[in-house]
Amino acid sequence: MKRDKPIITIYEYQRIFQVVHSVYQKIDNSGSVCCQFYNVAGAFILNEVYNKKVTLMMGAACFKFHAPLSINLYFAHINGKTVSSSEEAFHCWIQTEDGYLLDFTAPLYREYTEQAGKKCLIPRKMFQKKLTLMAASYHELQQEGDFYVQANSELTASRLLESVEHHKNENLLNLCLHWFKKPPRKIDLTMTVMNQMGKIETINLNTIKISGKW
């Protein structure tokens, strides 16, 4: 039986994450995470460098971790037995024509849980899973790495339209693409850019390492 081949390797995922994370942290030093920027940039690189047809989705997303306690991370409104999403509660992820789901904010799930008031050292891992492995509902997240997503087409369309209309986002995406080098090519450890005031600034490549996969 032919084995499914992942879209990218852990090392390639790490390289994409490091570039996107470095660029975002330079423009937003609050320590926050923007799932939309990380995955829009990741999708841009997958399309332009790897020639992968990908789709950006936004909606409700739920994940299961053990680190060491059992932790559930919800990007959604929990309404009894159902979940829903809105501008105030949503997540962004990538789906590929090969049936994979990728999330380039996965190495920062630790920060997400901390923002939710939970101190938990969740490992920094890659999230790249077949959609066929998704749980039937958020109630059925049992094992580490289990997930459930529910796309919201209206939310996806409105937020992507807003992103396209923001010219600053286009510049940042092109910066990520220009900086990224597909392994095994060597990547520059710094990137110089000109800010809005015409001043040259240096961005250092973040060195967060990916320890495995969910």
N, C-alpha and C. Protein backbone atom coordinates (compact mmCIF):
# COMPACT_ATOMS: atom_id res chain seq x y z
N MET A 1 0.85 -1.20 0.00
CA MET A 1 0.00 0.00 0.00
C MET A 1 0.88 1.25 0.00
N LYS A 2 0.54 2.20 -0.87
CA LYS A 2 1.31 3.43 -0.95
C LYS A 2 1.07 4.28 0.29
N ARG A 3 2.14 4.73 0.91
CA ARG A 3 2.04 5.53 2.11
C ARG A 3 1.90 7.00 1.77
N ASP A 4 1.01 7.69 2.47
CA ASP A 4 0.84 9.12 2.24
C ASP A 4 2.13 9.85 2.59
N LYS A 5 2.53 10.74 1.70
CA LYS A 5 3.73 11.54 1.93
C LYS A 5 3.32 12.92 2.42
N PRO A 6 3.82 13.34 3.58
CA PRO A 6 3.49 14.69 4.08
C PRO A 6 3.85 15.77 3.07
N ILE A 7 3.18 16.91 3.18
CA ILE A 7 3.43 18.02 2.26
C ILE A 7 4.86 18.52 2.40
N ILE A 8 5.31 18.69 3.64
CA ILE A 8 6.66 19.17 3.92
C ILE A 8 7.24 18.39 5.09
N THR A 9 8.56 18.40 5.21
CA THR A 9 9.23 17.74 6.33
C THR A 9 9.19 18.64 7.57
N ILE A 10 9.55 18.06 8.70
CA ILE A 10 9.62 18.85 9.93
C ILE A 10 10.62 20.00 9.77
N TYR A 11 11.75 19.74 9.13
CA TYR A 11 12.76 20.78 8.96
C TYR A 11 12.25 21.91 8.06
N GLU A 12 11.52 21.55 7.01
CA GLU A 12 10.96 22.58 6.13
C GLU A 12 9.89 23.39 6.87
N TYR A 13 9.07 22.69 7.63
CA TYR A 13 8.06 23.37 8.45
C TYR A 13 8.73 24.34 9.42
N GLN A 14 9.79 23.88 10.07
CA GLN A 14 10.52 24.72 11.03
C GLN A 14 11.07 25.96 10.33
N ARG A 15 11.62 25.81 9.14
CA ARG A 15 12.19 26.94 8.41
C ARG A 15 11.11 27.97 8.06
N ILE A 16 9.96 27.50 7.59
CA ILE A 16 8.86 28.41 7.28
C ILE A 16 8.41 29.13 8.54
N PHE A 17 8.22 28.37 9.62
CA PHE A 17 7.78 28.97 10.88
C PHE A 17 8.77 30.02 11.37
N GLN A 18 10.04 29.72 11.34
CA GLN A 18 11.05 30.65 11.85
C GLN A 18 11.02 31.97 11.08
N VAL A 19 10.89 31.91 9.77
CA VAL A 19 10.85 33.14 8.96
C VAL A 19 9.60 33.94 9.28
N VAL A 20 8.44 33.29 9.26
CA VAL A 20 7.18 34.00 9.49
C VAL A 20 7.14 34.57 10.91
N HIS A 21 7.57 33.77 11.88
CA HIS A 21 7.58 34.21 13.27
C HIS A 21 8.51 35.41 13.45
N SER A 22 9.65 35.39 12.81
CA SER A 22 10.62 36.49 12.93
C SER A 22 10.05 37.79 12.38
N VAL A 23 9.41 37.70 11.23
CA VAL A 23 8.83 38.90 10.61
C VAL A 23 7.69 39.43 11.47
N TYR A 24 6.83 38.55 11.94
CA TYR A 24 5.68 39.02 12.72
C TYR A 24 6.12 39.63 14.05
N GLN A 25 7.08 39.01 14.72
CA GLN A 25 7.52 39.53 16.00
C GLN A 25 8.21 40.89 15.86
N LYS A 26 8.74 41.16 14.67
CA LYS A 26 9.37 42.46 14.44
C LYS A 26 8.32 43.56 14.35
N ILE A 27 7.16 43.25 13.77
CA ILE A 27 6.13 44.27 13.60
C ILE A 27 5.19 44.34 14.79
N ASP A 28 5.19 43.28 15.62
CA ASP A 28 4.31 43.26 16.80
C ASP A 28 5.09 42.65 17.95
N ASN A 29 5.64 43.49 18.81
CA ASN A 29 6.49 43.01 19.90
C ASN A 29 5.71 42.81 21.20
N SER A 30 4.38 42.64 21.08
CA SER A 30 3.56 42.47 22.28
C SER A 30 3.60 41.03 22.80
N GLY A 31 4.20 40.13 21.99
CA GLY A 31 4.24 38.72 22.39
C GLY A 31 3.00 37.96 21.96
N SER A 32 2.11 38.62 21.21
CA SER A 32 0.89 37.97 20.76
C SER A 32 1.17 37.08 19.55
N VAL A 33 0.17 36.29 19.18
CA VAL A 33 0.28 35.41 18.02
C VAL A 33 -0.90 35.72 17.10
N CYS A 34 -0.66 35.83 15.81
CA CYS A 34 -1.73 36.09 14.85
C CYS A 34 -1.86 34.89 13.92
N CYS A 35 -2.84 34.05 14.19
CA CYS A 35 -2.99 32.83 13.40
C CYS A 35 -3.21 33.14 11.93
N GLN A 36 -3.89 34.24 11.63
CA GLN A 36 -4.17 34.58 10.24
C GLN A 36 -2.87 34.93 9.51
N PHE A 37 -2.04 35.78 10.09
CA PHE A 37 -0.80 36.15 9.41
C PHE A 37 0.11 34.94 9.23
N TYR A 38 0.29 34.14 10.27
CA TYR A 38 1.19 32.99 10.20
C TYR A 38 0.77 32.03 9.10
N ASN A 39 -0.52 31.76 9.00
CA ASN A 39 -0.96 30.77 8.03
C ASN A 39 -1.16 31.34 6.63
N VAL A 40 -1.49 32.63 6.52
CA VAL A 40 -1.52 33.26 5.20
C VAL A 40 -0.10 33.26 4.62
N ALA A 41 0.87 33.63 5.44
CA ALA A 41 2.27 33.64 4.98
C ALA A 41 2.75 32.23 4.67
N GLY A 42 2.40 31.28 5.52
CA GLY A 42 2.78 29.89 5.27
C GLY A 42 2.18 29.37 3.98
N ALA A 43 0.92 29.69 3.73
CA ALA A 43 0.24 29.26 2.51
C ALA A 43 0.89 29.90 1.28
N PHE A 44 1.29 31.16 1.41
CA PHE A 44 1.95 31.88 0.32
C PHE A 44 3.25 31.19 -0.07
N ILE A 45 4.03 30.80 0.93
CA ILE A 45 5.29 30.11 0.66
C ILE A 45 5.04 28.72 0.07
N LEU A 46 4.07 28.00 0.60
CA LEU A 46 3.75 26.66 0.06
C LEU A 46 3.35 26.75 -1.41
N ASN A 47 2.60 27.79 -1.74
CA ASN A 47 2.15 27.96 -3.12
C ASN A 47 3.27 28.39 -4.04
N GLU A 48 4.04 29.39 -3.62
CA GLU A 48 5.05 29.99 -4.49
C GLU A 48 6.32 29.15 -4.60
N VAL A 49 6.73 28.51 -3.51
CA VAL A 49 7.99 27.77 -3.49
C VAL A 49 7.78 26.28 -3.76
N TYR A 50 6.72 25.72 -3.17
CA TYR A 50 6.49 24.28 -3.28
C TYR A 50 5.44 23.92 -4.33
N ASN A 51 4.84 24.93 -4.95
CA ASN A 51 3.80 24.72 -5.96
C ASN A 51 2.65 23.85 -5.44
N LYS A 52 2.27 24.09 -4.20
CA LYS A 52 1.18 23.35 -3.58
C LYS A 52 -0.10 24.17 -3.62
N LYS A 53 -1.17 23.53 -4.05
CA LYS A 53 -2.46 24.21 -4.06
C LYS A 53 -3.06 24.08 -2.65
N VAL A 54 -3.21 25.22 -2.00
CA VAL A 54 -3.69 25.22 -0.63
C VAL A 54 -4.87 26.18 -0.49
N THR A 55 -5.66 25.95 0.54
CA THR A 55 -6.82 26.78 0.84
C THR A 55 -6.75 27.24 2.27
N LEU A 56 -6.97 28.53 2.50
CA LEU A 56 -7.00 29.07 3.85
C LEU A 56 -8.42 28.96 4.40
N MET A 57 -8.53 28.48 5.62
CA MET A 57 -9.83 28.32 6.26
C MET A 57 -9.80 29.01 7.61
N MET A 58 -10.95 29.53 8.01
CA MET A 58 -11.10 30.11 9.34
C MET A 58 -12.41 29.62 9.95
N GLY A 59 -12.37 29.45 11.25
CA GLY A 59 -13.56 28.95 11.94
C GLY A 59 -13.19 28.45 13.31
N ALA A 60 -13.99 27.53 13.82
CA ALA A 60 -13.74 26.95 15.13
C ALA A 60 -12.67 25.87 15.04
N ALA A 61 -11.79 25.82 16.04
CA ALA A 61 -10.73 24.81 16.07
C ALA A 61 -10.48 24.40 17.52
N CYS A 62 -10.32 23.08 17.72
CA CYS A 62 -10.11 22.54 19.06
C CYS A 62 -8.99 21.51 19.01
N PHE A 63 -8.08 21.55 20.01
CA PHE A 63 -6.92 20.67 20.03
C PHE A 63 -6.75 20.05 21.42
N LYS A 64 -6.12 18.87 21.44
CA LYS A 64 -5.89 18.15 22.69
C LYS A 64 -4.40 17.99 22.93
N PHE A 65 -3.95 18.29 24.17
CA PHE A 65 -2.54 18.15 24.53
C PHE A 65 -2.39 17.45 25.88
N HIS A 66 -1.22 16.90 26.11
CA HIS A 66 -0.83 16.35 27.41
C HIS A 66 0.55 16.92 27.72
N ALA A 67 0.63 17.85 28.65
CA ALA A 67 1.91 18.52 28.83
C ALA A 67 2.14 19.06 30.25
N PRO A 68 2.26 18.25 31.30
CA PRO A 68 1.96 16.82 31.33
C PRO A 68 0.49 16.55 31.59
N LEU A 69 -0.27 17.57 32.02
CA LEU A 69 -1.69 17.37 32.27
C LEU A 69 -2.47 17.44 30.96
N SER A 70 -3.66 16.90 30.97
CA SER A 70 -4.51 16.94 29.79
C SER A 70 -5.04 18.36 29.61
N ILE A 71 -4.72 18.97 28.47
CA ILE A 71 -5.12 20.34 28.19
C ILE A 71 -5.87 20.40 26.86
N ASN A 72 -7.00 21.07 26.86
CA ASN A 72 -7.73 21.32 25.62
C ASN A 72 -7.59 22.80 25.26
N LEU A 73 -7.31 23.09 24.01
CA LEU A 73 -7.18 24.46 23.54
C LEU A 73 -8.30 24.72 22.55
N TYR A 74 -9.18 25.68 22.88
CA TYR A 74 -10.33 25.98 22.04
C TYR A 74 -10.20 27.36 21.41
N PHE A 75 -10.37 27.43 20.10
CA PHE A 75 -10.52 28.70 19.38
C PHE A 75 -11.96 28.70 18.89
N ALA A 76 -12.89 28.95 19.78
CA ALA A 76 -14.30 28.80 19.43
C ALA A 76 -15.19 29.23 20.58
N HIS A 77 -16.47 29.37 20.27
CA HIS A 77 -17.50 29.51 21.30
C HIS A 77 -18.01 28.10 21.58
N ILE A 78 -18.00 27.70 22.82
CA ILE A 78 -18.51 26.38 23.19
C ILE A 78 -19.95 26.53 23.64
N ASN A 79 -20.85 25.89 22.90
CA ASN A 79 -22.28 26.02 23.19
C ASN A 79 -22.88 24.64 23.46
N GLY A 80 -22.62 24.16 24.68
CA GLY A 80 -23.14 22.83 25.02
C GLY A 80 -22.48 21.75 24.20
N LYS A 81 -23.23 21.14 23.30
CA LYS A 81 -22.71 20.05 22.49
C LYS A 81 -22.16 20.52 21.15
N THR A 82 -22.22 21.82 20.89
CA THR A 82 -21.76 22.34 19.60
C THR A 82 -20.71 23.43 19.80
N VAL A 83 -20.02 23.74 18.72
CA VAL A 83 -19.07 24.86 18.72
C VAL A 83 -19.44 25.80 17.58
N SER A 84 -19.04 27.05 17.71
CA SER A 84 -19.25 28.03 16.65
C SER A 84 -18.08 29.01 16.67
N SER A 85 -18.00 29.85 15.66
CA SER A 85 -16.90 30.81 15.56
C SER A 85 -17.45 32.19 15.21
N SER A 86 -16.63 33.18 15.50
CA SER A 86 -16.98 34.57 15.19
C SER A 86 -15.69 35.37 15.10
N GLU A 87 -15.79 36.66 14.87
CA GLU A 87 -14.62 37.54 14.84
C GLU A 87 -13.87 37.51 16.18
N GLU A 88 -14.58 37.21 17.25
CA GLU A 88 -13.99 37.20 18.59
C GLU A 88 -13.43 35.83 18.97
N ALA A 89 -13.81 34.79 18.28
CA ALA A 89 -13.36 33.44 18.63
C ALA A 89 -13.24 32.60 17.36
N PHE A 90 -12.02 32.51 16.84
CA PHE A 90 -11.80 31.72 15.63
C PHE A 90 -10.32 31.37 15.52
N HIS A 91 -10.03 30.48 14.59
CA HIS A 91 -8.65 30.13 14.29
C HIS A 91 -8.52 30.07 12.77
N CYS A 92 -7.30 30.19 12.29
CA CYS A 92 -7.01 30.09 10.86
C CYS A 92 -6.08 28.91 10.63
N TRP A 93 -6.33 28.15 9.57
CA TRP A 93 -5.47 27.02 9.25
C TRP A 93 -5.42 26.83 7.73
N ILE A 94 -4.57 25.91 7.29
CA ILE A 94 -4.37 25.64 5.87
C ILE A 94 -4.86 24.23 5.55
N GLN A 95 -5.58 24.10 4.46
CA GLN A 95 -5.95 22.78 3.95
C GLN A 95 -5.36 22.61 2.55
N THR A 96 -4.86 21.41 2.25
CA THR A 96 -4.23 21.17 0.97
C THR A 96 -5.08 20.24 0.11
N GLU A 97 -4.80 20.24 -1.18
CA GLU A 97 -5.55 19.38 -2.09
C GLU A 97 -5.27 17.90 -1.82
N ASP A 98 -4.19 17.62 -1.07
CA ASP A 98 -3.85 16.25 -0.70
C ASP A 98 -4.59 15.80 0.56
N GLY A 99 -5.41 16.70 1.12
CA GLY A 99 -6.20 16.32 2.29
C GLY A 99 -5.50 16.52 3.62
N TYR A 100 -4.50 17.40 3.66
CA TYR A 100 -3.79 17.68 4.91
C TYR A 100 -4.27 19.00 5.51
N LEU A 101 -4.16 19.08 6.83
CA LEU A 101 -4.37 20.33 7.55
C LEU A 101 -3.05 20.73 8.18
N LEU A 102 -2.63 21.96 7.96
CA LEU A 102 -1.41 22.50 8.55
C LEU A 102 -1.74 23.75 9.36
N ASP A 103 -1.01 23.93 10.44
CA ASP A 103 -1.15 25.13 11.26
C ASP A 103 0.25 25.61 11.63
N PHE A 104 0.63 26.77 11.10
CA PHE A 104 1.97 27.29 11.38
C PHE A 104 2.06 28.06 12.70
N THR A 105 0.99 28.08 13.48
CA THR A 105 1.08 28.62 14.83
C THR A 105 1.26 27.50 15.85
N ALA A 106 1.29 26.26 15.42
CA ALA A 106 1.39 25.13 16.35
C ALA A 106 2.58 25.22 17.31
N PRO A 107 3.76 25.69 16.86
CA PRO A 107 4.88 25.79 17.81
C PRO A 107 4.61 26.80 18.93
N LEU A 108 3.56 27.60 18.80
CA LEU A 108 3.24 28.62 19.79
C LEU A 108 1.95 28.29 20.56
N TYR A 109 1.51 27.04 20.50
CA TYR A 109 0.34 26.66 21.30
C TYR A 109 0.60 26.92 22.79
N ARG A 110 1.86 26.83 23.18
CA ARG A 110 2.24 27.13 24.57
C ARG A 110 1.84 28.55 24.95
N GLU A 111 2.14 29.49 24.04
CA GLU A 111 1.80 30.88 24.30
C GLU A 111 0.29 31.10 24.32
N TYR A 112 -0.42 30.39 23.46
CA TYR A 112 -1.88 30.50 23.45
C TYR A 112 -2.47 30.07 24.79
N THR A 113 -1.97 28.96 25.34
CA THR A 113 -2.51 28.49 26.61
C THR A 113 -2.15 29.45 27.74
N GLU A 114 -0.98 30.05 27.66
CA GLU A 114 -0.58 31.02 28.68
C GLU A 114 -1.48 32.26 28.63
N GLN A 115 -1.84 32.69 27.42
CA GLN A 115 -2.74 33.82 27.26
C GLN A 115 -4.12 33.50 27.83
N ALA A 116 -4.45 32.21 27.84
CA ALA A 116 -5.74 31.78 28.39
C ALA A 116 -5.66 31.54 29.89
N GLY A 117 -4.49 31.83 30.48
CA GLY A 117 -4.33 31.69 31.93
C GLY A 117 -3.88 30.33 32.39
N LYS A 118 -3.38 29.49 31.46
CA LYS A 118 -2.92 28.16 31.81
C LYS A 118 -1.41 28.07 31.61
N LYS A 119 -0.67 27.86 32.68
CA LYS A 119 0.77 27.71 32.59
C LYS A 119 1.10 26.25 32.26
N CYS A 120 1.48 26.02 31.03
CA CYS A 120 1.71 24.63 30.60
C CYS A 120 2.75 24.62 29.48
N LEU A 121 3.85 23.93 29.68
CA LEU A 121 4.93 23.90 28.69
C LEU A 121 4.62 22.90 27.57
N ILE A 122 3.68 23.26 26.73
CA ILE A 122 3.35 22.42 25.58
C ILE A 122 4.55 22.37 24.65
N PRO A 123 4.96 21.18 24.21
CA PRO A 123 6.13 21.07 23.32
C PRO A 123 5.92 21.84 22.03
N ARG A 124 7.01 22.29 21.45
CA ARG A 124 6.95 23.03 20.19
C ARG A 124 7.05 22.02 19.04
N LYS A 125 5.90 21.67 18.50
CA LYS A 125 5.83 20.64 17.48
C LYS A 125 5.16 21.15 16.21
N MET A 126 5.30 20.37 15.16
CA MET A 126 4.65 20.65 13.88
C MET A 126 3.23 20.09 13.91
N PHE A 127 2.29 20.86 13.36
CA PHE A 127 0.95 20.31 13.16
C PHE A 127 0.70 20.18 11.67
N GLN A 128 0.70 18.94 11.20
CA GLN A 128 0.45 18.60 9.80
C GLN A 128 -0.21 17.22 9.81
N LYS A 129 -1.52 17.20 9.71
CA LYS A 129 -2.26 15.94 9.82
C LYS A 129 -3.27 15.78 8.69
N LYS A 130 -3.56 14.53 8.36
CA LYS A 130 -4.61 14.24 7.39
C LYS A 130 -5.96 14.62 8.00
N LEU A 131 -6.80 15.25 7.21
CA LEU A 131 -8.12 15.63 7.68
C LEU A 131 -8.97 14.42 8.04
N THR A 132 -8.65 13.28 7.46
CA THR A 132 -9.39 12.06 7.77
C THR A 132 -9.18 11.61 9.22
N LEU A 133 -8.15 12.15 9.88
CA LEU A 133 -7.87 11.79 11.27
C LEU A 133 -8.63 12.68 12.25
N MET A 134 -9.37 13.64 11.74
CA MET A 134 -10.08 14.57 12.62
C MET A 134 -11.15 13.86 13.44
N ALA A 135 -11.29 14.27 14.71
CA ALA A 135 -12.32 13.71 15.58
C ALA A 135 -13.70 14.08 15.06
N ALA A 136 -14.70 13.29 15.41
CA ALA A 136 -16.06 13.52 14.94
C ALA A 136 -16.67 14.78 15.56
N SER A 137 -16.20 15.15 16.75
CA SER A 137 -16.68 16.36 17.41
C SER A 137 -15.65 16.79 18.45
N TYR A 138 -15.83 17.98 19.01
CA TYR A 138 -14.87 18.44 20.01
C TYR A 138 -14.98 17.64 21.30
N HIS A 139 -16.09 16.92 21.48
CA HIS A 139 -16.27 16.07 22.65
C HIS A 139 -15.36 14.84 22.60
N GLU A 140 -14.89 14.49 21.41
CA GLU A 140 -14.16 13.24 21.22
C GLU A 140 -12.65 13.44 21.10
N LEU A 141 -12.14 14.52 21.67
CA LEU A 141 -10.70 14.72 21.71
C LEU A 141 -10.16 13.93 22.90
N GLN A 142 -9.47 12.84 22.62
CA GLN A 142 -9.05 11.94 23.68
C GLN A 142 -7.54 11.78 23.78
N GLN A 143 -6.87 11.66 22.63
CA GLN A 143 -5.43 11.42 22.62
C GLN A 143 -4.68 12.71 22.28
N GLU A 144 -3.42 12.76 22.70
CA GLU A 144 -2.56 13.90 22.37
C GLU A 144 -2.50 14.11 20.86
N GLY A 145 -2.76 15.32 20.44
CA GLY A 145 -2.74 15.63 19.01
C GLY A 145 -4.08 15.50 18.33
N ASP A 146 -5.11 15.05 19.05
CA ASP A 146 -6.46 14.99 18.47
C ASP A 146 -6.93 16.41 18.17
N PHE A 147 -7.73 16.54 17.12
CA PHE A 147 -8.20 17.87 16.73
C PHE A 147 -9.58 17.82 16.10
N TYR A 148 -10.23 18.97 16.13
CA TYR A 148 -11.53 19.12 15.48
C TYR A 148 -11.63 20.55 14.95
N VAL A 149 -11.97 20.71 13.68
CA VAL A 149 -12.14 22.05 13.11
C VAL A 149 -13.49 22.13 12.41
N GLN A 150 -14.02 23.33 12.38
CA GLN A 150 -15.32 23.57 11.74
C GLN A 150 -15.21 24.91 11.01
N ALA A 151 -15.08 24.84 9.69
CA ALA A 151 -14.86 26.04 8.89
C ALA A 151 -16.09 26.95 8.87
N ASN A 152 -15.84 28.25 8.82
CA ASN A 152 -16.88 29.26 8.72
C ASN A 152 -16.61 30.03 7.43
N SER A 153 -17.35 29.71 6.37
CA SER A 153 -17.06 30.28 5.05
C SER A 153 -17.25 31.79 5.00
N GLU A 154 -18.25 32.32 5.68
CA GLU A 154 -18.48 33.76 5.67
C GLU A 154 -17.36 34.50 6.39
N LEU A 155 -16.93 33.97 7.53
CA LEU A 155 -15.84 34.58 8.28
C LEU A 155 -14.54 34.53 7.48
N THR A 156 -14.30 33.39 6.84
CA THR A 156 -13.09 33.23 6.02
C THR A 156 -13.06 34.27 4.90
N ALA A 157 -14.16 34.41 4.19
CA ALA A 157 -14.22 35.34 3.07
C ALA A 157 -14.02 36.78 3.51
N SER A 158 -14.66 37.18 4.60
CA SER A 158 -14.57 38.57 5.04
C SER A 158 -13.18 38.92 5.55
N ARG A 159 -12.54 38.00 6.29
CA ARG A 159 -11.22 38.29 6.84
C ARG A 159 -10.15 38.24 5.76
N LEU A 160 -10.27 37.35 4.80
CA LEU A 160 -9.28 37.31 3.72
C LEU A 160 -9.41 38.53 2.82
N LEU A 161 -10.63 39.01 2.60
CA LEU A 161 -10.82 40.22 1.81
C LEU A 161 -10.17 41.41 2.51
N GLU A 162 -10.34 41.49 3.81
CA GLU A 162 -9.73 42.57 4.59
C GLU A 162 -8.21 42.49 4.51
N SER A 163 -7.67 41.27 4.55
CA SER A 163 -6.22 41.08 4.47
C SER A 163 -5.68 41.51 3.12
N VAL A 164 -6.39 41.17 2.05
CA VAL A 164 -5.95 41.52 0.69
C VAL A 164 -5.94 43.03 0.50
N GLU A 165 -6.90 43.71 1.10
CA GLU A 165 -7.01 45.15 0.94
C GLU A 165 -5.98 45.92 1.76
N HIS A 166 -5.28 45.22 2.65
CA HIS A 166 -4.29 45.87 3.50
C HIS A 166 -2.93 45.74 2.83
N HIS A 167 -2.43 46.81 2.21
CA HIS A 167 -1.19 46.75 1.43
C HIS A 167 0.02 46.39 2.28
N LYS A 168 -0.01 46.74 3.56
CA LYS A 168 1.10 46.40 4.44
C LYS A 168 1.28 44.90 4.52
N ASN A 169 0.16 44.16 4.53
CA ASN A 169 0.22 42.69 4.60
C ASN A 169 0.92 42.13 3.37
N GLU A 170 0.65 42.71 2.21
CA GLU A 170 1.29 42.24 0.98
C GLU A 170 2.80 42.40 1.06
N ASN A 171 3.25 43.53 1.58
CA ASN A 171 4.69 43.76 1.72
C ASN A 171 5.33 42.75 2.67
N LEU A 172 4.64 42.45 3.76
CA LEU A 172 5.18 41.50 4.74
C LEU A 172 5.23 40.09 4.17
N LEU A 173 4.22 39.72 3.39
CA LEU A 173 4.21 38.40 2.76
C LEU A 173 5.36 38.26 1.78
N ASN A 174 5.60 39.30 1.01
CA ASN A 174 6.71 39.27 0.06
C ASN A 174 8.06 39.23 0.78
N LEU A 175 8.14 39.88 1.94
CA LEU A 175 9.36 39.82 2.74
C LEU A 175 9.62 38.39 3.19
N CYS A 176 8.57 37.71 3.68
CA CYS A 176 8.72 36.31 4.11
C CYS A 176 9.17 35.43 2.95
N LEU A 177 8.56 35.63 1.79
CA LEU A 177 8.90 34.83 0.62
C LEU A 177 10.34 35.08 0.18
N HIS A 178 10.76 36.35 0.20
CA HIS A 178 12.12 36.70 -0.21
C HIS A 178 13.16 36.12 0.74
N TRP A 179 12.84 36.10 2.03
CA TRP A 179 13.79 35.62 3.04
C TRP A 179 13.90 34.10 3.04
N PHE A 180 12.77 33.43 2.84
CA PHE A 180 12.75 31.97 2.92
C PHE A 180 13.61 31.33 1.84
N LYS A 181 14.34 30.30 2.23
CA LYS A 181 15.11 29.47 1.30
C LYS A 181 14.77 28.01 1.57
N LYS A 182 14.41 27.32 0.54
CA LYS A 182 14.02 25.92 0.68
C LYS A 182 15.23 25.07 1.05
N PRO A 183 15.14 24.32 2.15
CA PRO A 183 16.26 23.44 2.53
C PRO A 183 16.57 22.47 1.39
N PRO A 184 17.85 22.14 1.17
CA PRO A 184 19.00 22.39 2.04
C PRO A 184 19.75 23.70 1.77
N ARG A 185 19.13 24.62 1.00
CA ARG A 185 19.79 25.90 0.74
C ARG A 185 19.99 26.65 2.05
N LYS A 186 21.08 27.37 2.15
CA LYS A 186 21.40 28.13 3.35
C LYS A 186 20.55 29.40 3.40
N ILE A 187 20.07 29.73 4.58
CA ILE A 187 19.25 30.92 4.75
C ILE A 187 20.02 31.98 5.52
N ASP A 188 19.82 33.24 5.16
CA ASP A 188 20.47 34.33 5.89
C ASP A 188 19.90 34.41 7.30
N LEU A 189 20.76 34.66 8.25
CA LEU A 189 20.33 34.74 9.65
C LEU A 189 19.77 36.11 10.01
N THR A 190 19.94 37.07 9.11
CA THR A 190 19.36 38.41 9.32
C THR A 190 18.77 38.91 8.01
N MET A 191 17.84 39.84 8.13
CA MET A 191 17.24 40.47 6.96
C MET A 191 17.12 41.96 7.25
N THR A 192 17.55 42.80 6.33
CA THR A 192 17.43 44.25 6.52
C THR A 192 16.22 44.76 5.76
N VAL A 193 15.47 45.64 6.41
CA VAL A 193 14.26 46.20 5.81
C VAL A 193 14.21 47.70 6.11
N MET A 194 13.41 48.40 5.35
CA MET A 194 13.22 49.83 5.58
C MET A 194 11.85 50.04 6.20
N ASN A 195 11.80 50.69 7.34
CA ASN A 195 10.52 50.92 7.99
C ASN A 195 9.79 52.10 7.35
N GLN A 196 8.61 52.41 7.88
CA GLN A 196 7.79 53.48 7.30
C GLN A 196 8.42 54.85 7.43
N MET A 197 9.39 54.98 8.32
CA MET A 197 10.07 56.26 8.51
C MET A 197 11.31 56.38 7.63
N GLY A 198 11.56 55.34 6.81
CA GLY A 198 12.71 55.36 5.93
C GLY A 198 14.00 54.92 6.60
N LYS A 199 13.88 54.34 7.80
CA LYS A 199 15.04 53.89 8.55
C LYS A 199 15.29 52.40 8.30
N ILE A 200 16.56 52.03 8.11
CA ILE A 200 16.92 50.64 7.89
C ILE A 200 16.93 49.90 9.22
N GLU A 201 16.23 48.77 9.28
CA GLU A 201 16.19 47.94 10.48
C GLU A 201 16.63 46.52 10.14
N THR A 202 17.10 45.82 11.14
CA THR A 202 17.54 44.44 10.97
C THR A 202 16.62 43.48 11.70
N ILE A 203 16.21 42.42 11.02
CA ILE A 203 15.41 41.37 11.64
C ILE A 203 16.28 40.14 11.79
N ASN A 204 16.36 39.59 12.99
CA ASN A 204 17.13 38.38 13.23
C ASN A 204 16.23 37.16 13.08
N LEU A 205 16.75 36.11 12.47
CA LEU A 205 15.98 34.89 12.30
C LEU A 205 15.78 34.21 13.64
N ASN A 206 14.53 33.96 14.00
CA ASN A 206 14.23 33.29 15.25
C ASN A 206 14.74 31.84 15.19
N THR A 207 15.24 31.34 16.30
CA THR A 207 15.86 30.00 16.30
C THR A 207 15.04 28.95 17.05
N ILE A 208 13.74 29.19 17.24
CA ILE A 208 12.90 28.17 17.88
C ILE A 208 12.99 26.86 17.11
N LYS A 209 13.24 25.77 17.80
CA LYS A 209 13.36 24.46 17.17
C LYS A 209 12.07 23.66 17.35
N ILE A 210 11.74 22.88 16.33
CA ILE A 210 10.57 22.01 16.37
C ILE A 210 11.01 20.64 16.86
N SER A 211 10.38 20.17 17.93
CA SER A 211 10.84 18.93 18.59
C SER A 211 10.19 17.67 18.06
N GLY A 212 9.19 17.81 17.20
CA GLY A 212 8.50 16.62 16.68
C GLY A 212 7.21 17.02 16.02
N LYS A 213 6.27 16.10 15.94
CA LYS A 213 4.98 16.39 15.29
C LYS A 213 3.84 15.89 16.15
N TRP A 214 2.70 16.57 16.03
CA TRP A 214 1.51 16.15 16.78
C TRP A 214 0.88 14.96 16.07
